[in-house]
PDB file of all heavy atoms in Angstrom:
ATOM      1  N   TYR A   1     220.605   3.837  23.513  1.00  0.00           N
ATOM      2  CA  TYR A   1     221.386   2.674  23.188  1.00  0.00           C
ATOM      3  C   TYR A   1     220.574   1.615  22.423  1.00  0.00           C
ATOM      4  O   TYR A   1     221.083   0.530  22.151  1.00  0.00           O
ATOM      5  CB  TYR A   1     221.966   2.053  24.464  1.00  0.00           C
ATOM      6  CG  TYR A   1     222.708   3.084  25.252  1.00  0.00           C
ATOM      7  CD1 TYR A   1     222.168   3.676  26.350  1.00  0.00           C
ATOM      8  CD2 TYR A   1     223.980   3.493  24.816  1.00  0.00           C
ATOM      9  CE1 TYR A   1     222.895   4.664  27.062  1.00  0.00           C
ATOM     10  CE2 TYR A   1     224.694   4.455  25.496  1.00  0.00           C
ATOM     11  CZ  TYR A   1     224.124   5.033  26.623  1.00  0.00           C
ATOM     12  OH  TYR A   1     224.817   6.020  27.305  1.00  0.00           O
ATOM     13  N   SER A   2     219.371   1.943  22.032  1.00  0.00           N
ATOM     14  CA  SER A   2     218.533   1.014  21.294  1.00  0.00           C
ATOM     15  C   SER A   2     218.729   1.191  19.799  1.00  0.00           C
ATOM     16  O   SER A   2     218.390   2.208  19.263  1.00  0.00           O
ATOM     17  CB  SER A   2     217.049   1.221  21.649  1.00  0.00           C
ATOM     18  OG  SER A   2     216.252   0.481  20.759  1.00  0.00           O
ATOM     19  N   LYS A   3     219.246   0.157  19.193  1.00  0.00           N
ATOM     20  CA  LYS A   3     219.476   0.152  17.755  1.00  0.00           C
ATOM     21  C   LYS A   3     218.155   0.448  16.978  1.00  0.00           C
ATOM     22  O   LYS A   3     218.135   1.275  16.065  1.00  0.00           O
ATOM     23  CB  LYS A   3     220.003  -1.217  17.348  1.00  0.00           C
ATOM     24  CG  LYS A   3     220.064  -1.482  15.861  1.00  0.00           C
ATOM     25  CD  LYS A   3     220.594  -2.896  15.643  1.00  0.00           C
ATOM     26  CE  LYS A   3     220.284  -3.419  14.276  1.00  0.00           C
ATOM     27  NZ  LYS A   3     220.753  -4.790  14.107  1.00  0.00           N
ATOM     28  N   TRP A   4     217.066  -0.162  17.418  1.00  0.00           N
ATOM     29  CA  TRP A   4     215.801   0.006  16.657  1.00  0.00           C
ATOM     30  C   TRP A   4     215.137   1.301  16.909  1.00  0.00           C
ATOM     31  O   TRP A   4     214.514   1.893  16.025  1.00  0.00           O
ATOM     32  CB  TRP A   4     214.886  -1.214  16.917  1.00  0.00           C
ATOM     33  CG  TRP A   4     215.391  -2.372  16.096  1.00  0.00           C
ATOM     34  CD1 TRP A   4     216.080  -3.439  16.512  1.00  0.00           C
ATOM     35  CD2 TRP A   4     215.382  -2.450  14.667  1.00  0.00           C
ATOM     36  NE1 TRP A   4     216.496  -4.216  15.483  1.00  0.00           N
ATOM     37  CE2 TRP A   4     216.060  -3.629  14.304  1.00  0.00           C
ATOM     38  CE3 TRP A   4     214.881  -1.651  13.652  1.00  0.00           C
ATOM     39  CZ2 TRP A   4     216.237  -4.052  13.006  1.00  0.00           C
ATOM     40  CZ3 TRP A   4     215.042  -2.063  12.321  1.00  0.00           C
ATOM     41  CH2 TRP A   4     215.720  -3.250  12.001  1.00  0.00           C
ATOM     42  N   ILE A   5     215.220   1.852  18.128  1.00  0.00           N
ATOM     43  CA  ILE A   5     214.645   3.181  18.350  1.00  0.00           C
ATOM     44  C   ILE A   5     215.376   4.193  17.472  1.00  0.00           C
ATOM     45  O   ILE A   5     214.769   5.049  16.870  1.00  0.00           O
ATOM     46  CB  ILE A   5     214.633   3.563  19.859  1.00  0.00           C
ATOM     47  CG1 ILE A   5     213.616   2.688  20.594  1.00  0.00           C
ATOM     48  CG2 ILE A   5     214.325   5.046  20.035  1.00  0.00           C
ATOM     49  CD1 ILE A   5     213.553   2.863  22.079  1.00  0.00           C
ATOM     50  N   ASN A   6     216.663   4.052  17.366  1.00  0.00           N
ATOM     51  CA  ASN A   6     217.454   4.968  16.500  1.00  0.00           C
ATOM     52  C   ASN A   6     217.013   4.788  15.054  1.00  0.00           C
ATOM     53  O   ASN A   6     216.908   5.768  14.287  1.00  0.00           O
ATOM     54  CB  ASN A   6     218.945   4.765  16.654  1.00  0.00           C
ATOM     55  CG  ASN A   6     219.447   5.288  17.970  1.00  0.00           C
ATOM     56  OD1 ASN A   6     219.172   6.437  18.297  1.00  0.00           O
ATOM     57  ND2 ASN A   6     220.103   4.468  18.763  1.00  0.00           N
ATOM     58  N   LYS A   7     216.797   3.568  14.625  1.00  0.00           N
ATOM     59  CA  LYS A   7     216.316   3.345  13.240  1.00  0.00           C
ATOM     60  C   LYS A   7     214.929   3.899  13.021  1.00  0.00           C
ATOM     61  O   LYS A   7     214.631   4.450  11.988  1.00  0.00           O
ATOM     62  CB  LYS A   7     216.355   1.819  12.892  1.00  0.00           C
ATOM     63  CG  LYS A   7     217.739   1.292  12.684  1.00  0.00           C
ATOM     64  CD  LYS A   7     217.716  -0.145  12.180  1.00  0.00           C
ATOM     65  CE  LYS A   7     219.067  -0.733  12.111  1.00  0.00           C
ATOM     66  NZ  LYS A   7     219.809  -0.398  10.932  1.00  0.00           N
ATOM     67  N   GLU A   8     214.049   3.758  14.016  1.00  0.00           N
ATOM     68  CA  GLU A   8     212.720   4.334  13.893  1.00  0.00           C
ATOM     69  C   GLU A   8     212.762   5.853  13.748  1.00  0.00           C
ATOM     70  O   GLU A   8     212.048   6.397  12.955  1.00  0.00           O
ATOM     71  CB  GLU A   8     211.887   3.938  15.125  1.00  0.00           C
ATOM     72  CG  GLU A   8     211.536   2.470  15.148  1.00  0.00           C
ATOM     73  CD  GLU A   8     211.021   1.968  16.488  1.00  0.00           C
ATOM     74  OE1 GLU A   8     210.992   2.743  17.469  1.00  0.00           O
ATOM     75  OE2 GLU A   8     210.648   0.775  16.537  1.00  0.00           O
ATOM     76  N   ILE A   9     213.651   6.476  14.500  1.00  0.00           N
ATOM     77  CA  ILE A   9     213.801   7.949  14.349  1.00  0.00           C
ATOM     78  C   ILE A   9     214.255   8.280  12.931  1.00  0.00           C
ATOM     79  O   ILE A   9     213.732   9.176  12.283  1.00  0.00           O
ATOM     80  CB  ILE A   9     214.832   8.482  15.373  1.00  0.00           C
ATOM     81  CG1 ILE A   9     214.262   8.404  16.789  1.00  0.00           C
ATOM     82  CG2 ILE A   9     215.239   9.922  15.011  1.00  0.00           C
ATOM     83  CD1 ILE A   9     215.279   8.686  17.899  1.00  0.00           C
ATOM     84  N   GLU A  10     215.259   7.546  12.436  1.00  0.00           N
ATOM     85  CA  GLU A  10     215.748   7.779  11.093  1.00  0.00           C
ATOM     86  C   GLU A  10     214.686   7.575  10.044  1.00  0.00           C
ATOM     87  O   GLU A  10     214.521   8.377   9.135  1.00  0.00           O
ATOM     88  CB  GLU A  10     216.927   6.820  10.827  1.00  0.00           C
ATOM     89  CG  GLU A  10     217.609   7.063   9.486  1.00  0.00           C
ATOM     90  CD  GLU A  10     218.779   6.093   9.277  1.00  0.00           C
ATOM     91  OE1 GLU A  10     219.566   5.897  10.201  1.00  0.00           O
ATOM     92  OE2 GLU A  10     218.867   5.571   8.129  1.00  0.00           O
ATOM     93  N   ILE A  11     213.901   6.499  10.163  1.00  0.00           N
ATOM     94  CA  ILE A  11     212.837   6.250   9.204  1.00  0.00           C
ATOM     95  C   ILE A  11     211.803   7.357   9.264  1.00  0.00           C
ATOM     96  O   ILE A  11     211.386   7.908   8.262  1.00  0.00           O
ATOM     97  CB  ILE A  11     212.149   4.903   9.485  1.00  0.00           C
ATOM     98  CG1 ILE A  11     213.108   3.729   9.229  1.00  0.00           C
ATOM     99  CG2 ILE A  11     210.886   4.701   8.637  1.00  0.00           C
ATOM    100  CD1 ILE A  11     212.675   2.384   9.836  1.00  0.00           C
ATOM    101  N   ALA A  12     211.377   7.748  10.467  1.00  0.00           N
ATOM    102  CA  ALA A  12     210.352   8.774  10.654  1.00  0.00           C
ATOM    103  C   ALA A  12     210.783  10.086  10.052  1.00  0.00           C
ATOM    104  O   ALA A  12     209.966  10.827   9.499  1.00  0.00           O
ATOM    105  CB  ALA A  12     210.034   8.914  12.124  1.00  0.00           C
ATOM    106  N   LYS A  13     212.030  10.450  10.250  1.00  0.00           N
ATOM    107  CA  LYS A  13     212.519  11.768   9.772  1.00  0.00           C
ATOM    108  C   LYS A  13     212.991  11.803   8.361  1.00  0.00           C
ATOM    109  O   LYS A  13     212.942  12.884   7.705  1.00  0.00           O
ATOM    110  CB  LYS A  13     213.685  12.213  10.711  1.00  0.00           C
ATOM    111  CG  LYS A  13     213.226  12.603  12.080  1.00  0.00           C
ATOM    112  CD  LYS A  13     212.273  13.785  12.035  1.00  0.00           C
ATOM    113  CE  LYS A  13     211.887  14.283  13.399  1.00  0.00           C
ATOM    114  NZ  LYS A  13     210.886  15.338  13.312  1.00  0.00           N
ATOM    115  N   LYS A  14     213.413  10.674   7.757  1.00  0.00           N
ATOM    116  CA  LYS A  14     214.058  10.724   6.461  1.00  0.00           C
ATOM    117  C   LYS A  14     213.423   9.912   5.363  1.00  0.00           C
ATOM    118  O   LYS A  14     213.770  10.109   4.190  1.00  0.00           O
ATOM    119  CB  LYS A  14     215.529  10.283   6.595  1.00  0.00           C
ATOM    120  CG  LYS A  14     216.350  11.198   7.486  1.00  0.00           C
ATOM    121  CD  LYS A  14     217.767  10.732   7.622  1.00  0.00           C
ATOM    122  CE  LYS A  14     218.549  11.704   8.516  1.00  0.00           C
ATOM    123  NZ  LYS A  14     219.868  11.228   8.823  1.00  0.00           N
ATOM    124  N   GLU A  15     212.500   9.005   5.688  1.00  0.00           N
ATOM    125  CA  GLU A  15     212.037   8.095   4.670  1.00  0.00           C
ATOM    126  C   GLU A  15     210.600   8.328   4.220  1.00  0.00           C
ATOM    127  O   GLU A  15     210.004   7.486   3.559  1.00  0.00           O
ATOM    128  CB  GLU A  15     212.229   6.631   5.099  1.00  0.00           C
ATOM    129  CG  GLU A  15     213.755   6.345   5.232  1.00  0.00           C
ATOM    130  CD  GLU A  15     214.064   4.877   5.312  1.00  0.00           C
ATOM    131  OE1 GLU A  15     213.208   4.039   4.921  1.00  0.00           O
ATOM    132  OE2 GLU A  15     215.177   4.513   5.707  1.00  0.00           O
ATOM    133  N   PHE A  16     210.042   9.466   4.543  1.00  0.00           N
ATOM    134  CA  PHE A  16     208.716   9.837   4.089  1.00  0.00           C
ATOM    135  C   PHE A  16     208.793  11.205   3.435  1.00  0.00           C
ATOM    136  O   PHE A  16     209.630  12.022   3.804  1.00  0.00           O
ATOM    137  CB  PHE A  16     207.685   9.856   5.240  1.00  0.00           C
ATOM    138  CG  PHE A  16     207.485   8.472   5.854  1.00  0.00           C
ATOM    139  CD1 PHE A  16     208.137   8.112   7.026  1.00  0.00           C
ATOM    140  CD2 PHE A  16     206.676   7.539   5.234  1.00  0.00           C
ATOM    141  CE1 PHE A  16     207.957   6.885   7.593  1.00  0.00           C
ATOM    142  CE2 PHE A  16     206.523   6.248   5.768  1.00  0.00           C
ATOM    143  CZ  PHE A  16     207.133   5.952   6.954  1.00  0.00           C
ATOM    144  N   ASN A  17     207.902  11.490   2.451  1.00  0.00           N
ATOM    145  CA  ASN A  17     207.896  12.782   1.838  1.00  0.00           C
ATOM    146  C   ASN A  17     207.713  13.881   2.857  1.00  0.00           C
ATOM    147  O   ASN A  17     208.350  14.932   2.793  1.00  0.00           O
ATOM    148  CB  ASN A  17     206.806  12.885   0.779  1.00  0.00           C
ATOM    149  CG  ASN A  17     207.129  12.027  -0.420  1.00  0.00           C
ATOM    150  OD1 ASN A  17     208.291  11.736  -0.715  1.00  0.00           O
ATOM    151  ND2 ASN A  17     206.093  11.562  -1.156  1.00  0.00           N
ATOM    152  N   THR A  18     206.802  13.668   3.796  1.00  0.00           N
ATOM    153  CA  THR A  18     206.613  14.575   4.911  1.00  0.00           C
ATOM    154  C   THR A  18     207.109  13.847   6.167  1.00  0.00           C
ATOM    155  O   THR A  18     206.529  12.824   6.531  1.00  0.00           O
ATOM    156  CB  THR A  18     205.128  14.922   5.099  1.00  0.00           C
ATOM    157  OG1 THR A  18     204.658  15.490   3.852  1.00  0.00           O
ATOM    158  CG2 THR A  18     204.926  15.905   6.236  1.00  0.00           C
ATOM    159  N   PRO A  19     208.168  14.357   6.778  1.00  0.00           N
ATOM    160  CA  PRO A  19     208.711  13.666   7.990  1.00  0.00           C
ATOM    161  C   PRO A  19     207.631  13.544   9.061  1.00  0.00           C
ATOM    162  O   PRO A  19     206.784  14.434   9.213  1.00  0.00           O
ATOM    163  CB  PRO A  19     209.819  14.604   8.450  1.00  0.00           C
ATOM    164  CG  PRO A  19     210.209  15.382   7.226  1.00  0.00           C
ATOM    165  CD  PRO A  19     208.950  15.539   6.446  1.00  0.00           C
ATOM    166  N   LYS A  20     207.665  12.442   9.790  1.00  0.00           N
ATOM    167  CA  LYS A  20     206.757  12.219  10.882  1.00  0.00           C
ATOM    168  C   LYS A  20     207.132  13.098  12.095  1.00  0.00           C
ATOM    169  O   LYS A  20     208.328  13.291  12.362  1.00  0.00           O
ATOM    170  CB  LYS A  20     206.780  10.764  11.344  1.00  0.00           C
ATOM    171  CG  LYS A  20     206.436   9.785  10.216  1.00  0.00           C
ATOM    172  CD  LYS A  20     205.037   9.925   9.752  1.00  0.00           C
ATOM    173  CE  LYS A  20     204.727   8.905   8.652  1.00  0.00           C
ATOM    174  NZ  LYS A  20     203.341   9.064   8.179  1.00  0.00           N
ATOM    175  N   LYS A  21     206.141  13.623  12.776  1.00  0.00           N
ATOM    176  CA  LYS A  21     206.406  14.402  13.972  1.00  0.00           C
ATOM    177  C   LYS A  21     206.726  13.452  15.124  1.00  0.00           C
ATOM    178  O   LYS A  21     206.077  12.401  15.268  1.00  0.00           O
ATOM    179  CB  LYS A  21     205.184  15.282  14.328  1.00  0.00           C
ATOM    180  CG  LYS A  21     204.811  16.249  13.270  1.00  0.00           C
ATOM    181  CD  LYS A  21     205.830  17.321  13.123  1.00  0.00           C
ATOM    182  CE  LYS A  21     205.371  18.420  12.140  1.00  0.00           C
ATOM    183  NZ  LYS A  21     206.395  19.459  12.017  1.00  0.00           N
ATOM    184  N   ILE A  22     207.692  13.841  15.908  1.00  0.00           N
ATOM    185  CA  ILE A  22     208.124  12.994  17.060  1.00  0.00           C
ATOM    186  C   ILE A  22     207.889  13.748  18.368  1.00  0.00           C
ATOM    187  O   ILE A  22     208.292  14.931  18.514  1.00  0.00           O
ATOM    188  CB  ILE A  22     209.610  12.591  16.934  1.00  0.00           C
ATOM    189  CG1 ILE A  22     209.808  11.679  15.730  1.00  0.00           C
ATOM    190  CG2 ILE A  22     210.123  11.961  18.212  1.00  0.00           C
ATOM    191  CD1 ILE A  22     211.249  11.281  15.470  1.00  0.00           C
ATOM    192  N   ILE A  23     207.279  13.054  19.303  1.00  0.00           N
ATOM    193  CA  ILE A  23     207.112  13.599  20.652  1.00  0.00           C
ATOM    194  C   ILE A  23     207.970  12.728  21.602  1.00  0.00           C
ATOM    195  O   ILE A  23     207.777  11.506  21.630  1.00  0.00           O
ATOM    196  CB  ILE A  23     205.638  13.532  21.088  1.00  0.00           C
ATOM    197  CG1 ILE A  23     204.774  14.387  20.174  1.00  0.00           C
ATOM    198  CG2 ILE A  23     205.501  13.973  22.560  1.00  0.00           C
ATOM    199  CD1 ILE A  23     203.277  14.228  20.411  1.00  0.00           C
ATOM    200  N   ALA A  24     208.871  13.353  22.306  1.00  0.00           N
ATOM    201  CA  ALA A  24     209.690  12.668  23.294  1.00  0.00           C
ATOM    202  C   ALA A  24     208.969  12.810  24.648  1.00  0.00           C
ATOM    203  O   ALA A  24     208.558  13.892  25.029  1.00  0.00           O
ATOM    204  CB  ALA A  24     211.080  13.302  23.392  1.00  0.00           C
ATOM    205  N   ILE A  25     208.807  11.685  25.318  1.00  0.00           N
ATOM    206  CA  ILE A  25     208.112  11.686  26.612  1.00  0.00           C
ATOM    207  C   ILE A  25     209.131  11.353  27.679  1.00  0.00           C
ATOM    208  O   ILE A  25     209.729  10.266  27.658  1.00  0.00           O
ATOM    209  CB  ILE A  25     206.972  10.655  26.675  1.00  0.00           C
ATOM    210  CG1 ILE A  25     205.950  10.962  25.549  1.00  0.00           C
ATOM    211  CG2 ILE A  25     206.278  10.668  28.027  1.00  0.00           C
ATOM    212  CD1 ILE A  25     204.890   9.874  25.371  1.00  0.00           C
ATOM    213  N   GLU A  26     209.390  12.305  28.588  1.00  0.00           N
ATOM    214  CA  GLU A  26     210.364  12.074  29.624  1.00  0.00           C
ATOM    215  C   GLU A  26     209.706  11.323  30.795  1.00  0.00           C
ATOM    216  O   GLU A  26     208.680  11.727  31.291  1.00  0.00           O
ATOM    217  CB  GLU A  26     210.885  13.433  30.164  1.00  0.00           C
ATOM    218  CG  GLU A  26     211.717  14.167  29.103  1.00  0.00           C
ATOM    219  CD  GLU A  26     212.299  15.446  29.656  1.00  0.00           C
ATOM    220  OE1 GLU A  26     211.592  16.198  30.356  1.00  0.00           O
ATOM    221  OE2 GLU A  26     213.486  15.719  29.359  1.00  0.00           O
ATOM    222  N   PRO A  27     210.305  10.217  31.185  1.00  0.00           N
ATOM    223  CA  PRO A  27     209.710   9.426  32.273  1.00  0.00           C
ATOM    224  C   PRO A  27     209.710  10.167  33.600  1.00  0.00           C
ATOM    225  O   PRO A  27     210.541  11.031  33.816  1.00  0.00           O
ATOM    226  CB  PRO A  27     210.610   8.203  32.352  1.00  0.00           C
ATOM    227  CG  PRO A  27     211.472   8.213  31.115  1.00  0.00           C
ATOM    228  CD  PRO A  27     211.496   9.632  30.641  1.00  0.00           C
ATOM    229  N   TRP A  28     208.823   9.784  34.510  1.00  0.00           N
ATOM    230  CA  TRP A  28     208.773  10.327  35.849  1.00  0.00           C
ATOM    231  C   TRP A  28     210.114  10.068  36.530  1.00  0.00           C
ATOM    232  O   TRP A  28     210.680   9.017  36.389  1.00  0.00           O
ATOM    233  CB  TRP A  28     207.694   9.648  36.699  1.00  0.00           C
ATOM    234  CG  TRP A  28     206.308  10.169  36.491  1.00  0.00           C
ATOM    235  CD1 TRP A  28     205.280   9.499  35.894  1.00  0.00           C
ATOM    236  CD2 TRP A  28     205.827  11.480  36.799  1.00  0.00           C
ATOM    237  NE1 TRP A  28     204.185  10.317  35.827  1.00  0.00           N
ATOM    238  CE2 TRP A  28     204.479  11.561  36.386  1.00  0.00           C
ATOM    239  CE3 TRP A  28     206.400  12.611  37.400  1.00  0.00           C
ATOM    240  CZ2 TRP A  28     203.677  12.658  36.564  1.00  0.00           C
ATOM    241  CZ3 TRP A  28     205.617  13.718  37.575  1.00  0.00           C
ATOM    242  CH2 TRP A  28     204.268  13.745  37.148  1.00  0.00           C
ATOM    243  N   ASP A  29     210.569  11.044  37.281  1.00  0.00           N
ATOM    244  CA  ASP A  29     211.748  10.914  38.106  1.00  0.00           C
ATOM    245  C   ASP A  29     212.996  10.508  37.359  1.00  0.00           C
ATOM    246  O   ASP A  29     213.935   9.951  37.944  1.00  0.00           O
ATOM    247  CB  ASP A  29     211.530   9.875  39.236  1.00  0.00           C
ATOM    248  CG  ASP A  29     210.446  10.321  40.214  1.00  0.00           C
ATOM    249  OD1 ASP A  29     210.238  11.554  40.366  1.00  0.00           O
ATOM    250  OD2 ASP A  29     209.779   9.478  40.833  1.00  0.00           O
ATOM    251  N   ALA A  30     213.048  10.786  36.066  1.00  0.00           N
ATOM    252  CA  ALA A  30     214.228  10.445  35.287  1.00  0.00           C
ATOM    253  C   ALA A  30     215.331  11.424  35.606  1.00  0.00           C
ATOM    254  O   ALA A  30     215.162  12.635  35.444  1.00  0.00           O
ATOM    255  CB  ALA A  30     213.925  10.446  33.809  1.00  0.00           C
ATOM    256  N   LYS A  31     216.464  10.886  36.069  1.00  0.00           N
ATOM    257  CA  LYS A  31     217.599  11.762  36.319  1.00  0.00           C
ATOM    258  C   LYS A  31     218.328  12.051  35.038  1.00  0.00           C
ATOM    259  O   LYS A  31     218.843  13.095  34.794  1.00  0.00           O
ATOM    260  CB  LYS A  31     218.573  11.059  37.296  1.00  0.00           C
ATOM    261  CG  LYS A  31     217.975  10.667  38.603  1.00  0.00           C
ATOM    262  CD  LYS A  31     217.889  11.802  39.580  1.00  0.00           C
ATOM    263  CE  LYS A  31     217.471  11.394  40.932  1.00  0.00           C
ATOM    264  NZ  LYS A  31     216.035  11.319  41.121  1.00  0.00           N
ATOM    265  N   LYS A  32     218.352  11.040  34.153  1.00  0.00           N
ATOM    266  CA  LYS A  32     218.967  11.185  32.817  1.00  0.00           C
ATOM    267  C   LYS A  32     217.937  10.778  31.770  1.00  0.00           C
ATOM    268  O   LYS A  32     217.171   9.856  31.995  1.00  0.00           O
ATOM    269  CB  LYS A  32     220.207  10.276  32.691  1.00  0.00           C
ATOM    270  CG  LYS A  32     221.332  10.682  33.616  1.00  0.00           C
ATOM    271  CD  LYS A  32     222.514   9.795  33.381  1.00  0.00           C
ATOM    272  CE  LYS A  32     223.715  10.214  34.284  1.00  0.00           C
ATOM    273  NZ  LYS A  32     224.860   9.366  34.043  1.00  0.00           N
ATOM    274  N   THR A  33     217.975  11.468  30.675  1.00  0.00           N
ATOM    275  CA  THR A  33     217.108  11.114  29.558  1.00  0.00           C
ATOM    276  C   THR A  33     217.898  11.033  28.288  1.00  0.00           C
ATOM    277  O   THR A  33     219.096  11.418  28.272  1.00  0.00           O
ATOM    278  CB  THR A  33     215.980  12.158  29.362  1.00  0.00           C
ATOM    279  OG1 THR A  33     216.534  13.444  29.235  1.00  0.00           O
ATOM    280  CG2 THR A  33     215.013  12.142  30.566  1.00  0.00           C
ATOM    281  N   SER A  34     217.313  10.561  27.226  1.00  0.00           N
ATOM    282  CA  SER A  34     218.004  10.332  25.968  1.00  0.00           C
ATOM    283  C   SER A  34     218.174  11.622  25.183  1.00  0.00           C
ATOM    284  O   SER A  34     217.180  12.172  24.665  1.00  0.00           O
ATOM    285  CB  SER A  34     217.273   9.241  25.148  1.00  0.00           C
ATOM    286  OG  SER A  34     217.817   9.188  23.875  1.00  0.00           O
ATOM    287  N   SER A  35     219.377  12.089  25.004  1.00  0.00           N
ATOM    288  CA  SER A  35     219.607  13.258  24.165  1.00  0.00           C
ATOM    289  C   SER A  35     219.348  12.912  22.704  1.00  0.00           C
ATOM    290  O   SER A  35     218.917  13.781  21.930  1.00  0.00           O
ATOM    291  CB  SER A  35     221.040  13.795  24.346  1.00  0.00           C
ATOM    292  OG  SER A  35     221.974  12.817  24.033  1.00  0.00           O
ATOM    293  N   VAL A  36     219.578  11.658  22.303  1.00  0.00           N
ATOM    294  CA  VAL A  36     219.265  11.258  20.930  1.00  0.00           C
ATOM    295  C   VAL A  36     217.804  11.469  20.623  1.00  0.00           C
ATOM    296  O   VAL A  36     217.432  12.062  19.585  1.00  0.00           O
ATOM    297  CB  VAL A  36     219.632   9.755  20.722  1.00  0.00           C
ATOM    298  CG1 VAL A  36     219.191   9.236  19.377  1.00  0.00           C
ATOM    299  CG2 VAL A  36     221.158   9.571  20.879  1.00  0.00           C
ATOM    300  N   VAL A  37     216.932  10.987  21.522  1.00  0.00           N
ATOM    301  CA  VAL A  37     215.503  11.144  21.313  1.00  0.00           C
ATOM    302  C   VAL A  37     215.083  12.604  21.374  1.00  0.00           C
ATOM    303  O   VAL A  37     214.348  13.086  20.519  1.00  0.00           O
ATOM    304  CB  VAL A  37     214.716  10.279  22.346  1.00  0.00           C
ATOM    305  CG1 VAL A  37     213.219  10.544  22.264  1.00  0.00           C
ATOM    306  CG2 VAL A  37     214.996   8.809  22.129  1.00  0.00           C
ATOM    307  N   LYS A  38     215.564  13.312  22.389  1.00  0.00           N
ATOM    308  CA  LYS A  38     215.163  14.712  22.554  1.00  0.00           C
ATOM    309  C   LYS A  38     215.665  15.577  21.400  1.00  0.00           C
ATOM    310  O   LYS A  38     214.940  16.491  20.981  1.00  0.00           O
ATOM    311  CB  LYS A  38     215.624  15.234  23.921  1.00  0.00           C
ATOM    312  CG  LYS A  38     214.886  14.498  25.031  1.00  0.00           C
ATOM    313  CD  LYS A  38     214.996  15.115  26.416  1.00  0.00           C
ATOM    314  CE  LYS A  38     216.302  15.646  26.855  1.00  0.00           C
ATOM    315  NZ  LYS A  38     216.358  15.979  28.254  1.00  0.00           N
ATOM    316  N   ASN A  39     216.847  15.308  20.846  1.00  0.00           N
ATOM    317  CA  ASN A  39     217.304  16.080  19.716  1.00  0.00           C
ATOM    318  C   ASN A  39     216.487  15.836  18.437  1.00  0.00           C
ATOM    319  O   ASN A  39     216.361  16.688  17.601  1.00  0.00           O
ATOM    320  CB  ASN A  39     218.779  15.759  19.426  1.00  0.00           C
ATOM    321  CG  ASN A  39     219.688  16.331  20.489  1.00  0.00           C
ATOM    322  OD1 ASN A  39     219.340  17.237  21.240  1.00  0.00           O
ATOM    323  ND2 ASN A  39     220.874  15.769  20.584  1.00  0.00           N
ATOM    324  N   ALA A  40     215.883  14.672  18.331  1.00  0.00           N
ATOM    325  CA  ALA A  40     215.059  14.329  17.176  1.00  0.00           C
ATOM    326  C   ALA A  40     213.606  14.808  17.347  1.00  0.00           C
ATOM    327  O   ALA A  40     212.870  14.884  16.357  1.00  0.00           O
ATOM    328  CB  ALA A  40     215.072  12.807  16.924  1.00  0.00           C
ATOM    329  N   ALA A  41     213.242  15.127  18.548  1.00  0.00           N
ATOM    330  CA  ALA A  41     211.831  15.414  18.863  1.00  0.00           C
ATOM    331  C   ALA A  41     211.366  16.800  18.335  1.00  0.00           C
ATOM    332  O   ALA A  41     212.127  17.764  18.337  1.00  0.00           O
ATOM    333  CB  ALA A  41     211.590  15.367  20.352  1.00  0.00           C
ATOM    334  N   ASP A  42     210.141  16.855  17.899  1.00  0.00           N
ATOM    335  CA  ASP A  42     209.474  18.122  17.552  1.00  0.00           C
ATOM    336  C   ASP A  42     208.917  18.753  18.809  1.00  0.00           C
ATOM    337  O   ASP A  42     208.724  19.951  18.865  1.00  0.00           O
ATOM    338  CB  ASP A  42     208.342  17.846  16.544  1.00  0.00           C
ATOM    339  CG  ASP A  42     208.908  17.346  15.205  1.00  0.00           C
ATOM    340  OD1 ASP A  42     209.436  18.135  14.448  1.00  0.00           O
ATOM    341  OD2 ASP A  42     208.855  16.125  14.985  1.00  0.00           O
ATOM    342  N   GLU A  43     208.643  17.902  19.807  1.00  0.00           N
ATOM    343  CA  GLU A  43     208.196  18.416  21.100  1.00  0.00           C
ATOM    344  C   GLU A  43     208.635  17.449  22.189  1.00  0.00           C
ATOM    345  O   GLU A  43     208.644  16.230  21.996  1.00  0.00           O
ATOM    346  CB  GLU A  43     206.650  18.589  21.095  1.00  0.00           C
ATOM    347  CG  GLU A  43     206.161  19.310  22.297  1.00  0.00           C
ATOM    348  CD  GLU A  43     204.834  20.031  22.055  1.00  0.00           C
ATOM    349  OE1 GLU A  43     204.446  20.268  20.883  1.00  0.00           O
ATOM    350  OE2 GLU A  43     204.174  20.352  23.039  1.00  0.00           O
ATOM    351  N   ILE A  44     208.986  17.997  23.323  1.00  0.00           N
ATOM    352  CA  ILE A  44     209.385  17.209  24.510  1.00  0.00           C
ATOM    353  C   ILE A  44     208.361  17.472  25.612  1.00  0.00           C
ATOM    354  O   ILE A  44     208.088  18.646  25.913  1.00  0.00           O
ATOM    355  CB  ILE A  44     210.792  17.570  24.990  1.00  0.00           C
ATOM    356  CG1 ILE A  44     211.796  17.340  23.875  1.00  0.00           C
ATOM    357  CG2 ILE A  44     211.172  16.777  26.234  1.00  0.00           C
ATOM    358  CD1 ILE A  44     213.184  17.977  24.141  1.00  0.00           C
ATOM    359  N   VAL A  45     207.782  16.392  26.141  1.00  0.00           N
ATOM    360  CA  VAL A  45     206.776  16.555  27.188  1.00  0.00           C
ATOM    361  C   VAL A  45     207.118  15.677  28.415  1.00  0.00           C
ATOM    362  O   VAL A  45     207.897  14.744  28.311  1.00  0.00           O
ATOM    363  CB  VAL A  45     205.339  16.201  26.703  1.00  0.00           C
ATOM    364  CG1 VAL A  45     204.916  17.111  25.567  1.00  0.00           C
ATOM    365  CG2 VAL A  45     205.236  14.743  26.265  1.00  0.00           C
TER     366      VAL A  45
END
């Protein structure tokens, strides 16, 4: 639900000649996590 995190993903993936690699970090004890972030991630840890 963060406007700027979504914009950061878009910038990282689309606005450089070589897209930036994204690592999604799942918080401890998280019952729900962000599918937006995980779908954009190159790796989920």
